[in-house]
């Protein structure tokens, strides 16, 4: 049973930083994808960043240069360091995991929420101007 529990959300002013954490358990150690998606009120859920079991990362254009995804395998924890936050980053942030796709002779992850099978309950991030 895969379990994902997020923490670290909160309210910050524009330009501030937050670090989200996701305690993960029960997922396979190989050929998997784990990452962050977000959903703002009235908008569709969107991918933010994903990391695969080999440590390769992919970011949404909106996150590039500001957010960093990382994982501590010893602690079974995923992180999202968010710097230079903007009001448009306000959303519920979800940790999610799923098996990597296979194609062209290799495994790969995509950033879209369709990548994931398992989801955490989310943590709210609010950025004020």
Protein backbone atom coordinates (compact mmCIF):
# COMPACT_ATOMS: atom_id res chain seq x y z
CA UNK A 1 0.00 0.00 0.00
CA UNK A 2 1.53 3.29 -1.13
CA UNK A 3 1.14 6.12 1.36
CA UNK A 4 2.07 9.72 0.74
CA UNK A 5 1.83 12.37 3.45
CA UNK A 6 2.62 15.99 2.65
CA UNK A 7 3.68 18.73 5.05
CA UNK A 8 5.27 22.16 4.96
CA UNK A 9 2.61 24.29 3.36
CA UNK A 10 1.66 27.68 4.73
CA UNK A 11 1.21 31.35 4.01
CA UNK A 12 4.06 33.54 2.81
CA UNK A 13 4.49 36.89 1.16
CA UNK A 14 5.49 37.29 -2.45
CA UNK A 15 9.21 36.59 -2.85
CA UNK A 16 9.30 34.22 0.11
CA UNK A 17 10.24 30.57 0.30
CA UNK A 18 8.71 27.32 1.49
CA UNK A 19 9.88 23.74 1.54
CA UNK A 20 7.31 21.03 1.11
CA UNK A 21 7.96 17.50 2.32
CA UNK A 22 6.31 14.21 1.40
CA UNK A 23 6.81 11.11 3.51
CA UNK A 24 6.48 8.19 1.11
CA UNK A 25 6.15 4.51 1.79
CA UNK A 26 5.17 1.34 0.00
CA UNK A 27 6.27 2.32 -3.50
CA UNK A 28 8.65 0.36 -5.68
CA UNK A 29 12.27 1.45 -5.72
CA UNK A 30 12.80 0.98 -9.44
CA UNK A 31 11.28 2.55 -12.54
CA UNK A 32 8.97 4.86 -10.62
CA UNK A 33 8.11 8.53 -10.78
CA UNK A 34 7.34 10.69 -7.79
CA UNK A 35 6.57 14.37 -7.88
CA UNK A 36 4.42 17.36 -7.12
CA UNK A 37 1.27 18.67 -8.74
CA UNK A 38 -0.89 21.61 -7.73
CA UNK A 39 -4.44 22.77 -8.11
CA UNK A 40 -5.70 26.29 -7.68
CA UNK A 41 -9.40 27.05 -7.12
CA UNK A 42 -11.32 26.81 -10.37
CA UNK A 43 -8.34 25.47 -12.29
CA UNK A 44 -7.23 22.06 -13.45
CA UNK A 45 -4.56 20.17 -11.58
CA UNK A 46 -1.15 20.74 -13.15
CA UNK A 47 2.24 19.12 -12.81
CA UNK A 48 4.99 21.10 -11.08
CA UNK A 49 8.02 18.81 -10.89
CA UNK A 50 8.83 15.11 -11.07
CA UNK A 51 11.83 12.96 -10.21
CA UNK A 52 12.46 9.40 -11.29
CA UNK A 53 14.14 6.52 -9.52
CA UNK A 54 17.47 7.47 -11.16
CA UNK A 55 17.20 11.04 -9.92
CA UNK A 56 16.36 12.68 -13.22
CA UNK A 57 14.11 15.70 -12.84
CA UNK A 58 11.59 17.53 -14.97
CA UNK A 59 10.01 20.88 -14.18
CA UNK A 60 7.05 22.83 -15.43
CA UNK A 61 8.04 26.07 -17.13
CA UNK A 62 6.44 27.96 -14.24
CA UNK A 63 8.74 26.21 -11.78
CA UNK A 64 12.05 26.33 -13.61
CA UNK A 65 14.68 28.41 -11.85
CA UNK A 66 12.56 28.82 -8.72
CA UNK A 67 11.63 25.32 -7.49
CA UNK A 68 13.86 22.36 -6.79
CA UNK A 69 12.65 18.79 -6.36
CA UNK A 70 14.78 16.31 -4.47
CA UNK A 71 14.48 13.06 -2.60
CA UNK A 72 16.21 11.52 0.39
CA UNK A 73 16.01 7.78 -0.14
CA UNK A 74 17.33 7.04 3.35
CA UNK A 75 14.41 8.97 4.84
CA UNK A 76 11.87 7.98 2.15
CA UNK A 77 11.08 11.64 1.78
CA UNK A 78 10.45 13.85 -1.22
CA UNK A 79 11.00 17.59 -1.07
CA UNK A 80 10.02 20.64 -3.06
CA UNK A 81 12.03 23.75 -2.29
CA UNK A 82 10.11 26.77 -3.54
CA UNK A 83 11.85 30.13 -3.78
CA UNK A 84 10.77 33.50 -5.16
CA UNK A 85 7.14 32.57 -4.64
CA UNK A 86 4.47 34.49 -6.51
CA UNK A 87 0.75 34.93 -5.80
CA UNK A 88 0.03 32.71 -8.81
CA UNK A 89 1.76 29.85 -6.98
CA UNK A 90 -1.15 29.78 -4.54
CA UNK A 91 -2.69 26.31 -4.71
CA UNK A 92 -3.11 22.99 -2.98
CA UNK A 93 0.07 21.04 -3.57
CA UNK A 94 -0.07 17.27 -3.90
CA UNK A 95 2.62 14.64 -3.70
CA UNK A 96 2.02 11.76 -6.09
CA UNK A 97 3.70 8.59 -7.29
CA UNK A 98 3.38 6.08 -10.09
CA UNK A 99 5.25 3.67 -12.31
CA UNK A 100 7.38 5.10 -15.08
CA UNK A 101 6.29 4.76 -18.68
CA UNK A 102 8.32 2.55 -21.00
CA UNK A 103 9.00 3.38 -24.58
CA UNK A 104 11.84 3.48 -27.06
CA UNK A 105 13.86 1.13 -24.90
CA UNK A 106 13.87 3.20 -21.74
CA UNK A 107 11.74 4.24 -18.78
CA UNK A 108 10.64 7.82 -18.43
CA UNK A 109 8.37 10.13 -16.47
CA UNK A 110 6.07 12.86 -17.63
CA UNK A 111 5.10 15.83 -15.55
CA UNK A 112 1.36 15.66 -16.16
CA UNK A 113 -0.87 14.42 -13.32
CA UNK A 114 -1.81 11.43 -15.52
CA UNK A 115 1.64 10.04 -14.65
CA UNK A 116 0.51 9.19 -11.13
CA UNK A 117 -1.51 6.42 -9.52
CA UNK A 118 -1.15 7.35 -5.88
CA UNK A 119 -1.85 10.70 -4.30
CA UNK A 120 -1.40 12.39 -0.95
CA UNK A 121 -4.06 14.56 0.66
CA UNK A 122 -2.34 17.81 -0.21
CA UNK A 123 -0.89 20.80 1.59
CA UNK A 124 -2.04 24.37 1.04
CA UNK A 125 0.35 27.06 -0.15
CA UNK A 126 -0.85 30.66 -0.08
CA UNK A 127 1.28 33.51 -1.41
CA UNK A 128 0.14 37.07 -0.74
CA UNK A 129 1.22 40.12 -2.70
